[in-house]
C-alpha cells in the first residue's frame, strides 16, 4: 500500500517516538512529540487503522503495528 504524504509524516513521527492518542470524548486524534501536541485529521489515522499499520487500544492509545 502506498501511503499519502500525511500518512507518511504520521508514521515517521511515530517511529521517532511521538505518541498518538484518540480522545473518545472529543473524537480527536492528538499527536504529541517532544515539542508540540497537535490534532491529526481522523481520516488519516482511520485509514492506517483500517489497513493495520496502526493499532488502537481500548484506552485510546495508538501504536505502530
C-alpha atoms as a PDB file:
ATOM      1  CA  UNK A   1       0.000   0.000   0.000  1.00  0.00           C
ATOM      2  CA  UNK A   2       1.315   3.426  -0.962  1.00  0.00           C
ATOM      3  CA  UNK A   3       0.927   5.941   1.842  1.00  0.00           C
ATOM      4  CA  UNK A   4      -0.126   9.536   1.284  1.00  0.00           C
ATOM      5  CA  UNK A   5       2.144  12.352   2.441  1.00  0.00           C
ATOM      6  CA  UNK A   6       0.143  12.967   5.677  1.00  0.00           C
ATOM      7  CA  UNK A   7       0.187   9.221   6.418  1.00  0.00           C
ATOM      8  CA  UNK A   8       3.950   9.024   5.800  1.00  0.00           C
ATOM      9  CA  UNK A   9       4.534  12.013   8.102  1.00  0.00           C
ATOM     10  CA  UNK A  10       2.444  10.429  10.856  1.00  0.00           C
ATOM     11  CA  UNK A  11       4.232   7.066  10.580  1.00  0.00           C
ATOM     12  CA  UNK A  12       7.614   8.840  10.598  1.00  0.00           C
ATOM     13  CA  UNK A  13       6.709  10.799  13.734  1.00  0.00           C
ATOM     14  CA  UNK A  14       5.510   7.632  15.487  1.00  0.00           C
ATOM     15  CA  UNK A  15       8.768   5.878  14.559  1.00  0.00           C
ATOM     16  CA  UNK A  16      10.645   8.845  16.030  1.00  0.00           C
ATOM     17  CA  UNK A  17       8.859   8.396  19.370  1.00  0.00           C
ATOM     18  CA  UNK A  18       5.774  10.604  19.162  1.00  0.00           C
ATOM     19  CA  UNK A  19       2.617   9.433  20.953  1.00  0.00           C
ATOM     20  CA  UNK A  20      -0.774   9.263  19.245  1.00  0.00           C
ATOM     21  CA  UNK A  21      -3.953   9.129  21.317  1.00  0.00           C
ATOM     22  CA  UNK A  22      -7.642   9.066  20.398  1.00  0.00           C
ATOM     23  CA  UNK A  23      -9.757  11.188  22.741  1.00  0.00           C
ATOM     24  CA  UNK A  24     -13.135   9.478  22.573  1.00  0.00           C
ATOM     25  CA  UNK A  25     -14.987  12.337  24.274  1.00  0.00           C
ATOM     26  CA  UNK A  26     -13.974  14.810  21.542  1.00  0.00           C
ATOM     27  CA  UNK A  27     -13.292  12.353  18.713  1.00  0.00           C
ATOM     28  CA  UNK A  28      -9.885  13.952  18.123  1.00  0.00           C
ATOM     29  CA  UNK A  29      -6.626  12.158  17.465  1.00  0.00           C
ATOM     30  CA  UNK A  30      -3.813  14.063  19.197  1.00  0.00           C
ATOM     31  CA  UNK A  31      -0.149  13.589  18.328  1.00  0.00           C
ATOM     32  CA  UNK A  32       2.382  14.554  20.993  1.00  0.00           C
ATOM     33  CA  UNK A  33       6.096  14.774  20.316  1.00  0.00           C
ATOM     34  CA  UNK A  34       8.953  16.395  22.224  1.00  0.00           C
ATOM     35  CA  UNK A  35       7.984  19.884  21.061  1.00  0.00           C
ATOM     36  CA  UNK A  36       4.231  20.125  20.435  1.00  0.00           C
ATOM     37  CA  UNK A  37       0.838  18.489  20.667  1.00  0.00           C
ATOM     38  CA  UNK A  38      -1.412  18.785  17.639  1.00  0.00           C
ATOM     39  CA  UNK A  39      -4.542  17.271  16.150  1.00  0.00           C
ATOM     40  CA  UNK A  40      -4.306  14.778  13.300  1.00  0.00           C
ATOM     41  CA  UNK A  41      -7.106  14.512  10.750  1.00  0.00           C
ATOM     42  CA  UNK A  42      -9.258  11.482  11.675  1.00  0.00           C
ATOM     43  CA  UNK A  43      -9.304  10.179   8.082  1.00  0.00           C
ATOM     44  CA  UNK A  44      -5.504   9.940   8.107  1.00  0.00           C
ATOM     45  CA  UNK A  45      -5.488   7.808  11.254  1.00  0.00           C
ATOM     46  CA  UNK A  46      -8.589   5.763  10.421  1.00  0.00           C
ATOM     47  CA  UNK A  47      -7.194   4.704   7.049  1.00  0.00           C
ATOM     48  CA  UNK A  48      -3.992   3.499   8.741  1.00  0.00           C
ATOM     49  CA  UNK A  49      -6.055   1.662  11.370  1.00  0.00           C
ATOM     50  CA  UNK A  50      -8.148   0.010   8.664  1.00  0.00           C
ATOM     51  CA  UNK A  51      -5.143  -1.471   6.843  1.00  0.00           C
ATOM     52  CA  UNK A  52      -3.337  -2.479  10.041  1.00  0.00           C
ATOM     53  CA  UNK A  53      -0.435  -0.017  10.024  1.00  0.00           C
ATOM     54  CA  UNK A  54      -1.578   1.366  13.398  1.00  0.00           C
ATOM     55  CA  UNK A  55      -3.307  -0.427  16.268  1.00  0.00           C
ATOM     56  CA  UNK A  56      -5.578   1.341  18.760  1.00  0.00           C
ATOM     57  CA  UNK A  57      -6.063   0.039  22.300  1.00  0.00           C
ATOM     58  CA  UNK A  58      -9.238   0.363  24.336  1.00  0.00           C
ATOM     59  CA  UNK A  59      -7.770   3.299  26.280  1.00  0.00           C
ATOM     60  CA  UNK A  60      -7.291   5.248  23.028  1.00  0.00           C
ATOM     61  CA  UNK A  61      -3.524   4.960  22.674  1.00  0.00           C
ATOM     62  CA  UNK A  62      -2.362   4.215  19.135  1.00  0.00           C
ATOM     63  CA  UNK A  63       0.850   2.449  18.173  1.00  0.00           C
ATOM     64  CA  UNK A  64       2.520   1.201  15.023  1.00  0.00           C
ATOM     65  CA  UNK A  65       1.617  -2.422  14.331  1.00  0.00           C
END
